[in-house]
Amino acid sequence: MSSARRAERVARRARPTVGRTPHLRAHHHRRRLIARRPAAAVALLAVLGPGLLAGLSDDDPAGITTYSILGAEHGYRLLWVLALSTAALVLFHELAARTGVVTSKGLVALVRERYGSRPAGVAVAALVIANVGTLAAELAGVAIGAQLLFGVPRGVAVLSGAVVVGALVLGASFHRVEHVLLALSSVFVAYIAAGLLAGPDWGAAATGLVLPRIPAGRDAILLCVATLGTTLAPWGLAFMQSYAVDKRLTVADLRYERIDVATGAVLTGVIGAFIVIACAATLRPAGISIDDGAEAAQALEPVAGSLASTLFAVGFLGAALLAAAIVPLSTAYSVCEAAGRPAGLHLGLRRAPLFYGAFVTAMAIATTIVLVPSVPLVAVLYLTQALNAVLLLAILPFMRALASDPDVMGEQRLTRFGRLATGLTIAVIAVACVTLLSLTIVG
């Protein structure tokens, strides 16, 4: 081929390429973006679960009762306490998920490894006490919700709920359990609907959300402490970290897991806020005092209509069943980690007998407590949440210390801002608990 023809061919190839390069680049960029979107969506769906389940199960019957009393007794004024609790929930749930993903170990296992068996014993004792009390509250919620909706006697409702939850967790695969629990969490939409049907004063709600007003008196402080304890529950923190390990998430999944955590925590706060708003809009103006979430559902009917009342009751029962599955799982993870034994839904009964045995034992103890006729269900629902806040002081310092340790977390350790935020949160909880104790002694 002559040099002239070769030069002409090169020029002919160059002309369209030069003229269309920007368009080709844009086209290829769009194709890459389109390819990334499905990949990102698939990756997010793959990690979805720990954050949503740990967050939404905080809106359990004990939480619903606490939020209902908050709205009925104080209106919109203490919504800021729920907002701060939700911010703390985002902070510590992300920390728990990150620690679990980076170390592939649960909270109690890390405490045992870094600080020894005695501190691990303190941590697991605090968790087991909190978990059994909370699980009793969940089963009390099953009894109240079933009686409210279907007129089922207390004993039948509690035993049936325990059997159904136990059969689900013990008899199904990891993914089957996760999918059923995620589906069950959809009942919380009922509370958003109930809040909207109540016709609230949105201006007053917005003011209560952003303008802190410190309540006076022991009962009001007890309510604030219970709100902290029910939103940032010890069992939820332990469950989050252990479940992230059980789900076998990796550091590459962290950015998607943070979305899962933030979504679950924010939804928890939003649903709790709608419960407060529904009761503040209807029960407080009518001067109706309540003792638990079931009474709130009944009291809503004459002032907000039967639909709002029914939605509230459905959410109460669904929340009880969801949390009744999550709380004993948290207990089983913690007990096995303290003992250095295998734990996980993917292992099966033969490979993890202590894990499944701890689940059944926790369920049996809580069921027995609730079936005792003289046990006041309202006290179980409400006061256990204040106990949770106190027990947080035995859990959160361990979490903060572990997450700040470069030998444990490497590049994923807490930043200076993270240490400041977590330290401030622990200090606020400690001040609230000491204030409550002081008022109780004086009073």
Protein backbone atom coordinates (compact mmCIF):
# COMPACT_ATOMS: atom_id res chain seq x y z
CA MET A 1 0.00 0.00 0.00
CA SER A 2 1.37 3.42 -1.02
CA SER A 3 2.13 5.99 1.58
CA ALA A 4 -0.54 8.32 0.12
CA ARG A 5 -3.35 5.71 0.39
CA ARG A 6 -2.21 4.79 3.89
CA ALA A 7 -2.36 8.44 4.92
CA GLU A 8 -5.83 8.84 3.39
CA ARG A 9 -7.18 5.78 5.30
CA VAL A 10 -5.74 7.06 8.57
CA ALA A 11 -7.32 10.46 7.98
CA ARG A 12 -10.72 8.87 7.14
CA ARG A 13 -10.67 6.89 10.42
CA ALA A 14 -9.63 9.93 12.37
CA ARG A 15 -12.39 12.24 11.15
CA PRO A 16 -15.46 10.52 12.66
CA THR A 17 -13.55 9.64 15.81
CA VAL A 18 -12.51 13.23 16.41
CA GLY A 19 -15.94 14.59 15.64
CA ARG A 20 -17.84 12.13 17.88
CA THR A 21 -15.46 11.63 20.81
CA PRO A 22 -17.42 13.82 23.33
CA HIS A 23 -20.68 12.03 22.44
CA LEU A 24 -19.04 8.63 22.68
CA ARG A 25 -17.58 9.50 26.05
CA ALA A 26 -20.98 10.71 27.31
CA HIS A 27 -22.62 7.57 25.94
CA HIS A 28 -20.13 5.27 27.66
CA HIS A 29 -20.44 7.29 30.90
CA ARG A 30 -24.24 6.89 30.81
CA ARG A 31 -23.88 3.16 30.21
CA ARG A 32 -21.55 2.87 33.20
CA LEU A 33 -24.00 4.80 35.41
CA ILE A 34 -26.90 2.61 34.29
CA ALA A 35 -24.85 -0.49 35.02
CA ARG A 36 -23.88 0.82 38.45
CA ARG A 37 -27.45 1.60 39.57
CA PRO A 38 -28.72 -1.99 39.49
CA ALA A 39 -25.44 -3.16 41.04
CA ALA A 40 -25.78 -0.65 43.89
CA ALA A 41 -29.43 -1.56 44.41
CA VAL A 42 -28.58 -5.28 44.54
CA ALA A 43 -25.73 -4.61 47.00
CA LEU A 44 -28.03 -2.57 49.25
CA LEU A 45 -30.73 -5.26 49.22
CA ALA A 46 -28.10 -7.88 50.04
CA VAL A 47 -27.01 -6.15 53.26
CA LEU A 48 -30.49 -4.93 54.25
CA GLY A 49 -31.69 -6.37 57.54
CA PRO A 50 -29.62 -5.68 60.68
CA GLY A 51 -30.33 -1.95 60.78
CA LEU A 52 -34.01 -2.20 59.93
CA LEU A 53 -34.71 -5.06 62.33
CA ALA A 54 -32.69 -3.67 65.24
CA GLY A 55 -34.19 -0.21 64.73
CA LEU A 56 -37.83 -1.02 64.12
CA SER A 57 -38.02 -3.63 66.87
CA ASP A 58 -37.23 -0.80 69.31
CA ASP A 59 -40.80 0.38 68.63
CA ASP A 60 -42.05 -2.60 70.62
CA PRO A 61 -45.02 -2.66 73.05
CA ALA A 62 -42.85 -1.21 75.81
CA GLY A 63 -41.78 1.59 73.47
CA ILE A 64 -45.34 2.15 72.26
CA THR A 65 -46.50 2.37 75.88
CA THR A 66 -43.75 4.85 76.75
CA TYR A 67 -44.43 7.03 73.70
CA SER A 68 -48.20 6.89 74.33
CA ILE A 69 -47.78 8.13 77.92
CA LEU A 70 -45.33 10.77 76.69
CA GLY A 71 -47.96 12.21 74.32
CA ALA A 72 -50.99 11.80 76.59
CA GLU A 73 -49.34 13.43 79.63
CA HIS A 74 -47.04 16.03 78.07
CA GLY A 75 -48.48 16.63 74.61
CA TYR A 76 -45.89 17.67 72.05
CA ARG A 77 -43.49 19.24 74.60
CA LEU A 78 -41.13 16.29 75.01
CA LEU A 79 -40.76 15.29 71.36
CA TRP A 80 -37.20 16.67 71.56
CA VAL A 81 -36.29 13.83 73.95
CA LEU A 82 -37.32 11.35 71.26
CA ALA A 83 -35.34 13.31 68.65
CA LEU A 84 -32.16 13.16 70.77
CA SER A 85 -32.74 9.45 71.48
CA THR A 86 -33.06 8.80 67.74
CA ALA A 87 -29.80 10.66 67.03
CA ALA A 88 -28.08 8.50 69.68
CA LEU A 89 -29.64 5.41 68.07
CA VAL A 90 -28.16 6.28 64.66
CA LEU A 91 -24.76 6.91 66.27
CA PHE A 92 -24.48 3.71 68.32
CA HIS A 93 -26.20 1.36 65.86
CA GLU A 94 -23.75 2.46 63.17
CA LEU A 95 -20.94 1.91 65.65
CA ALA A 96 -22.20 -1.57 66.51
CA ALA A 97 -22.57 -2.56 62.85
CA ARG A 98 -19.13 -1.18 61.96
CA THR A 99 -17.45 -2.98 64.86
CA GLY A 100 -19.13 -6.26 63.98
CA VAL A 101 -18.22 -6.00 60.30
CA VAL A 102 -14.58 -5.05 60.91
CA THR A 103 -13.86 -7.59 63.67
CA SER A 104 -16.30 -10.40 62.74
CA LYS A 105 -17.06 -10.65 66.48
CA GLY A 106 -20.03 -9.73 68.65
CA LEU A 107 -19.84 -7.21 71.48
CA VAL A 108 -19.47 -9.68 74.37
CA ALA A 109 -16.90 -11.74 72.44
CA LEU A 110 -14.76 -8.61 71.91
CA VAL A 111 -15.06 -7.57 75.55
CA ARG A 112 -13.97 -11.07 76.59
CA GLU A 113 -11.05 -11.04 74.16
CA ARG A 114 -9.76 -7.54 75.02
CA TYR A 115 -10.59 -7.16 78.72
CA GLY A 116 -11.01 -10.68 80.10
CA SER A 117 -13.80 -12.92 81.31
CA ARG A 118 -14.82 -10.81 84.33
CA PRO A 119 -15.72 -7.63 82.37
CA ALA A 120 -17.39 -9.88 79.79
CA GLY A 121 -19.43 -11.37 82.63
CA VAL A 122 -20.53 -7.87 83.68
CA ALA A 123 -21.54 -7.04 80.11
CA VAL A 124 -23.46 -10.27 79.53
CA ALA A 125 -25.18 -10.04 82.93
CA ALA A 126 -26.41 -6.52 82.09
CA LEU A 127 -27.62 -7.71 78.70
CA VAL A 128 -29.37 -10.83 80.00
CA ILE A 129 -31.17 -8.86 82.74
CA ALA A 130 -32.25 -6.22 80.24
CA ASN A 131 -33.23 -8.81 77.66
CA VAL A 132 -35.33 -11.03 79.91
CA GLY A 133 -37.17 -8.00 81.27
CA THR A 134 -37.74 -6.66 77.77
CA LEU A 135 -38.83 -10.05 76.42
CA ALA A 136 -41.37 -10.29 79.23
CA ALA A 137 -42.60 -6.87 78.10
CA GLU A 138 -42.91 -8.12 74.50
CA LEU A 139 -44.97 -11.13 75.55
CA ALA A 140 -47.09 -8.88 77.76
CA GLY A 141 -47.66 -6.84 74.61
CA VAL A 142 -48.74 -9.98 72.75
CA ALA A 143 -51.27 -10.68 75.51
CA ILE A 144 -52.62 -7.12 75.54
CA GLY A 145 -52.76 -6.81 71.73
CA ALA A 146 -54.46 -10.18 71.19
CA GLN A 147 -57.02 -9.45 73.89
CA LEU A 148 -57.70 -6.02 72.46
CA LEU A 149 -58.19 -7.22 68.87
CA PHE A 150 -59.63 -10.71 69.31
CA GLY A 151 -60.63 -11.05 72.96
CA VAL A 152 -58.11 -13.88 73.46
CA PRO A 153 -57.34 -14.71 77.13
CA ARG A 154 -53.91 -13.76 78.48
CA GLY A 155 -52.56 -17.30 78.89
CA VAL A 156 -53.62 -18.47 75.44
CA ALA A 157 -52.19 -15.38 73.74
CA VAL A 158 -48.82 -15.57 75.50
CA LEU A 159 -48.32 -19.30 74.91
CA SER A 160 -49.45 -19.07 71.29
CA GLY A 161 -47.14 -16.11 70.63
CA ALA A 162 -44.16 -17.89 72.21
CA VAL A 163 -44.80 -21.06 70.18
CA VAL A 164 -45.20 -19.18 66.89
CA VAL A 165 -42.05 -17.11 67.41
CA GLY A 166 -40.04 -20.13 68.60
CA ALA A 167 -41.16 -22.25 65.64
CA LEU A 168 -40.17 -19.51 63.20
CA VAL A 169 -36.68 -18.93 64.59
CA LEU A 170 -35.83 -22.55 65.42
CA GLY A 171 -37.33 -24.19 62.38
CA ALA A 172 -36.41 -21.90 59.48
CA SER A 173 -33.24 -20.91 57.66
CA PHE A 174 -31.41 -17.65 58.34
CA HIS A 175 -32.80 -15.92 55.25
CA ARG A 176 -36.33 -17.21 55.82
CA VAL A 177 -36.31 -15.82 59.36
CA GLU A 178 -34.94 -12.49 58.16
CA HIS A 179 -37.51 -12.15 55.37
CA VAL A 180 -40.45 -12.96 57.65
CA LEU A 181 -39.27 -10.46 60.26
CA LEU A 182 -38.75 -7.74 57.65
CA ALA A 183 -42.25 -8.37 56.31
CA LEU A 184 -43.68 -8.22 59.82
CA SER A 185 -42.04 -4.84 60.38
CA SER A 186 -44.44 -3.34 57.81
CA VAL A 187 -47.12 -3.16 60.54
CA PHE A 188 -45.51 0.05 61.80
CA VAL A 189 -47.13 1.95 58.92
CA ALA A 190 -50.27 1.68 61.06
CA TYR A 191 -48.88 4.23 63.52
CA ILE A 192 -48.12 6.79 60.85
CA ALA A 193 -51.70 6.40 59.61
CA ALA A 194 -53.08 6.70 63.17
CA GLY A 195 -51.07 9.88 63.72
CA LEU A 196 -52.35 11.44 60.49
CA LEU A 197 -55.97 10.49 61.28
CA ALA A 198 -55.67 12.17 64.70
CA GLY A 199 -55.51 15.65 63.10
CA PRO A 200 -52.48 16.98 65.03
CA ASP A 201 -51.24 20.54 65.47
CA TRP A 202 -48.14 20.31 63.26
CA GLY A 203 -46.81 23.69 64.39
CA ALA A 204 -46.85 22.64 68.04
CA ALA A 205 -45.28 19.30 67.08
CA ALA A 206 -42.44 21.05 65.23
CA THR A 207 -41.84 23.33 68.22
CA GLY A 208 -41.75 20.41 70.63
CA LEU A 209 -39.31 18.61 68.35
CA VAL A 210 -36.68 21.38 68.23
CA LEU A 211 -37.23 23.39 71.44
CA PRO A 212 -35.91 21.55 74.52
CA ARG A 213 -37.94 22.10 77.68
CA ILE A 214 -36.75 20.31 80.80
CA PRO A 215 -39.67 18.73 82.68
CA ALA A 216 -40.00 19.02 86.44
CA GLY A 217 -40.76 16.19 88.84
CA ARG A 218 -39.76 12.58 89.28
CA ASP A 219 -42.46 11.10 87.06
CA ALA A 220 -41.51 13.32 84.12
CA ILE A 221 -37.81 12.47 84.52
CA LEU A 222 -38.72 8.77 84.75
CA LEU A 223 -40.59 9.13 81.47
CA CYS A 224 -37.56 10.78 79.80
CA VAL A 225 -35.23 8.05 81.09
CA ALA A 226 -37.65 5.36 79.89
CA THR A 227 -37.73 7.04 76.44
CA LEU A 228 -33.93 6.85 76.29
CA GLY A 229 -33.98 3.21 77.40
CA THR A 230 -36.67 2.10 74.99
CA THR A 231 -35.16 3.86 71.96
CA LEU A 232 -31.49 3.04 72.56
CA ALA A 233 -32.06 -0.43 74.03
CA PRO A 234 -29.07 -2.54 75.21
CA TRP A 235 -30.37 -5.66 73.49
CA GLY A 236 -30.66 -3.79 70.19
CA LEU A 237 -26.98 -2.81 70.30
CA ALA A 238 -25.82 -6.36 71.01
CA PHE A 239 -28.17 -7.76 68.36
CA MET A 240 -26.97 -5.28 65.74
CA GLN A 241 -23.30 -6.20 66.14
CA SER A 242 -23.82 -9.97 66.37
CA TYR A 243 -26.33 -10.06 63.53
CA ALA A 244 -23.96 -8.15 61.24
CA VAL A 245 -21.43 -10.92 61.95
CA ASP A 246 -24.04 -13.67 61.45
CA LYS A 247 -25.03 -12.11 58.11
CA ARG A 248 -21.32 -12.29 57.11
CA LEU A 249 -21.04 -8.68 56.00
CA THR A 250 -17.62 -7.39 54.93
CA VAL A 251 -15.91 -4.00 55.08
CA ALA A 252 -16.87 -3.51 51.42
CA ASP A 253 -20.53 -3.70 52.52
CA LEU A 254 -20.17 -0.94 55.12
CA ARG A 255 -21.35 1.98 53.01
CA TYR A 256 -24.57 0.11 52.20
CA GLU A 257 -24.96 -1.13 55.77
CA ARG A 258 -24.80 2.48 56.98
CA ILE A 259 -27.82 3.21 54.79
CA ASP A 260 -29.59 0.22 56.35
CA VAL A 261 -28.72 1.44 59.87
CA ALA A 262 -29.70 5.05 59.27
CA THR A 263 -32.98 4.03 57.62
CA GLY A 264 -33.93 1.71 60.48
CA ALA A 265 -33.02 4.24 63.18
CA VAL A 266 -34.75 7.19 61.52
CA LEU A 267 -37.90 5.13 60.88
CA THR A 268 -37.85 4.14 64.55
CA GLY A 269 -37.85 7.80 65.56
CA VAL A 270 -40.49 8.76 62.99
CA ILE A 271 -42.86 5.99 64.08
CA GLY A 272 -42.30 6.86 67.74
CA ALA A 273 -43.00 10.52 66.97
CA PHE A 274 -46.29 9.64 65.26
CA ILE A 275 -47.34 7.63 68.33
CA VAL A 276 -46.59 10.64 70.54
CA ILE A 277 -48.37 12.96 68.10
CA ALA A 278 -51.48 10.74 67.88
CA CYS A 279 -51.84 10.70 71.67
CA ALA A 280 -50.95 14.38 72.07
CA ALA A 281 -53.57 15.41 69.50
CA THR A 282 -56.40 13.35 70.95
CA LEU A 283 -55.90 12.13 74.50
CA ARG A 284 -54.22 15.13 76.12
CA PRO A 285 -56.85 17.71 75.03
CA ALA A 286 -59.55 15.33 76.27
CA GLY A 287 -57.77 14.91 79.60
CA ILE A 288 -57.56 11.13 79.15
CA SER A 289 -54.83 9.46 81.21
CA ILE A 290 -53.50 6.08 80.10
CA ASP A 291 -51.29 3.38 81.56
CA ASP A 292 -50.29 1.45 78.44
CA GLY A 293 -50.42 1.39 74.65
CA ALA A 294 -53.53 -0.80 74.60
CA GLU A 295 -55.45 1.81 76.59
CA ALA A 296 -54.22 4.37 74.10
CA ALA A 297 -55.73 2.32 71.27
CA GLN A 298 -59.06 2.10 73.10
CA ALA A 299 -59.04 5.78 74.05
CA LEU A 300 -58.32 6.85 70.46
CA GLU A 301 -61.62 5.44 69.16
CA PRO A 302 -64.07 8.07 70.49
CA VAL A 303 -61.80 11.00 69.58
CA ALA A 304 -60.09 9.85 66.36
CA GLY A 305 -62.40 7.15 65.05
CA SER A 306 -62.46 3.36 65.00
CA LEU A 307 -59.96 3.10 62.13
CA ALA A 308 -57.25 4.94 64.10
CA SER A 309 -57.97 2.76 67.12
CA THR A 310 -57.78 -0.47 65.10
CA LEU A 311 -54.58 0.57 63.34
CA PHE A 312 -52.99 1.37 66.69
CA ALA A 313 -53.95 -2.06 68.08
CA VAL A 314 -52.72 -3.93 64.98
CA GLY A 315 -49.37 -2.17 65.21
CA PHE A 316 -49.18 -3.04 68.91
CA LEU A 317 -49.61 -6.78 68.30
CA GLY A 318 -47.34 -6.88 65.25
CA ALA A 319 -44.61 -4.97 67.09
CA ALA A 320 -44.85 -7.41 70.00
CA LEU A 321 -44.34 -10.44 67.75
CA LEU A 322 -41.42 -8.84 65.90
CA ALA A 323 -39.56 -7.87 69.07
CA ALA A 324 -40.36 -11.20 70.74
CA ALA A 325 -38.27 -12.84 68.01
CA ILE A 326 -35.40 -10.33 68.09
CA VAL A 327 -34.80 -10.00 71.85
CA PRO A 328 -34.12 -13.71 72.62
CA LEU A 329 -31.82 -13.83 69.59
CA SER A 330 -29.82 -11.00 71.14
CA THR A 331 -29.69 -12.97 74.41
CA ALA A 332 -28.52 -16.14 72.66
CA TYR A 333 -25.75 -14.30 70.79
CA SER A 334 -24.46 -12.68 74.00
CA VAL A 335 -24.51 -15.88 76.08
CA CYS A 336 -22.60 -17.84 73.44
CA GLU A 337 -20.04 -15.07 72.98
CA ALA A 338 -19.40 -14.96 76.74
CA ALA A 339 -18.90 -18.74 76.77
CA GLY A 340 -16.79 -18.78 73.60
CA ARG A 341 -19.25 -21.08 71.87
CA PRO A 342 -20.56 -21.02 68.28
CA ALA A 343 -23.55 -18.77 67.63
CA GLY A 344 -25.63 -18.09 64.54
CA LEU A 345 -28.87 -18.90 62.79
CA HIS A 346 -26.94 -20.36 59.86
CA LEU A 347 -25.25 -23.02 62.03
CA GLY A 348 -28.27 -25.13 63.00
CA LEU A 349 -29.08 -26.88 66.28
CA ARG A 350 -26.35 -29.55 66.09
CA ARG A 351 -23.51 -27.08 65.56
CA ALA A 352 -24.78 -24.42 67.99
CA PRO A 353 -26.77 -26.13 70.77
CA LEU A 354 -26.04 -23.42 73.36
CA PHE A 355 -27.28 -20.71 70.98
CA TYR A 356 -30.65 -22.38 70.46
CA GLY A 357 -30.79 -23.49 74.10
CA ALA A 358 -30.28 -19.91 75.31
CA PHE A 359 -33.03 -18.73 72.93
CA VAL A 360 -35.51 -21.28 74.31
CA THR A 361 -34.51 -20.63 77.94
CA ALA A 362 -34.96 -16.86 77.62
CA MET A 363 -38.35 -17.39 75.99
CA ALA A 364 -39.42 -19.85 78.70
CA ILE A 365 -38.40 -17.56 81.59
CA ALA A 366 -40.15 -14.53 80.12
CA THR A 367 -43.29 -16.56 79.33
CA THR A 368 -43.42 -17.83 82.91
CA ILE A 369 -43.09 -14.30 84.31
CA VAL A 370 -45.94 -12.96 82.19
CA LEU A 371 -48.23 -15.92 82.95
CA VAL A 372 -48.10 -15.25 86.71
CA PRO A 373 -51.54 -13.68 87.35
CA SER A 374 -50.26 -11.18 89.94
CA VAL A 375 -47.59 -9.71 87.65
CA PRO A 376 -48.68 -6.18 86.59
CA LEU A 377 -48.30 -6.01 82.82
CA VAL A 378 -48.14 -2.22 82.77
CA ALA A 379 -45.19 -2.13 85.19
CA VAL A 380 -43.42 -4.76 83.09
CA LEU A 381 -43.98 -2.71 79.94
CA TYR A 382 -42.96 0.67 81.30
CA LEU A 383 -40.45 0.26 84.12
CA THR A 384 -38.26 -2.22 82.22
CA GLN A 385 -37.42 0.61 79.83
CA ALA A 386 -36.07 2.80 82.62
CA LEU A 387 -33.98 -0.20 83.71
CA ASN A 388 -32.67 -0.45 80.14
CA ALA A 389 -31.37 3.12 80.36
CA VAL A 390 -29.48 2.32 83.58
CA LEU A 391 -28.00 -0.85 82.05
CA LEU A 392 -26.80 1.13 79.04
CA LEU A 393 -24.14 2.56 81.34
CA ALA A 394 -22.65 -0.95 81.60
CA ILE A 395 -22.64 -1.44 77.81
CA LEU A 396 -21.90 1.85 76.04
CA PRO A 397 -18.45 2.51 77.60
CA PHE A 398 -17.26 -0.90 76.33
CA MET A 399 -18.56 -0.12 72.84
CA ARG A 400 -16.85 3.27 72.80
CA ALA A 401 -13.53 1.92 74.08
CA LEU A 402 -13.45 -0.93 71.58
CA ALA A 403 -14.38 1.29 68.66
CA SER A 404 -11.65 3.78 69.62
CA ASP A 405 -8.93 1.11 69.77
CA PRO A 406 -6.78 1.12 66.61
CA ASP A 407 -5.66 -2.45 67.32
CA VAL A 408 -9.30 -3.56 67.12
CA MET A 409 -10.69 -1.30 64.41
CA GLY A 410 -7.68 -0.18 62.37
CA GLU A 411 -8.65 2.57 59.92
CA GLN A 412 -12.33 2.20 60.87
CA ARG A 413 -11.79 3.35 64.47
CA LEU A 414 -13.77 6.26 65.93
CA THR A 415 -12.73 9.72 64.82
CA ARG A 416 -12.27 12.59 67.26
CA PHE A 417 -15.82 13.75 66.51
CA GLY A 418 -17.12 10.20 67.05
CA ARG A 419 -15.40 9.98 70.44
CA LEU A 420 -16.84 13.35 71.43
CA ALA A 421 -20.38 12.44 70.32
CA THR A 422 -20.40 9.02 71.98
CA GLY A 423 -18.87 10.42 75.17
CA LEU A 424 -21.48 13.18 75.32
CA THR A 425 -24.29 10.66 74.81
CA ILE A 426 -23.04 8.49 77.69
CA ALA A 427 -22.75 11.57 79.91
CA VAL A 428 -26.34 12.66 79.16
CA ILE A 429 -27.69 9.19 79.99
CA ALA A 430 -25.65 9.11 83.21
CA VAL A 431 -26.93 12.55 84.29
CA ALA A 432 -30.54 11.53 83.56
CA CYS A 433 -30.21 8.30 85.57
CA VAL A 434 -28.50 10.06 88.52
CA THR A 435 -31.20 12.74 88.50
CA LEU A 436 -33.91 10.09 88.56
CA LEU A 437 -32.20 8.26 91.42
CA SER A 438 -31.80 11.48 93.41
CA LEU A 439 -35.45 12.45 92.96
CA THR A 440 -36.53 8.93 93.92
CA ILE A 441 -34.49 9.05 97.15
CA VAL A 442 -35.66 12.57 98.02
CA GLY A 443 -39.25 11.84 97.08
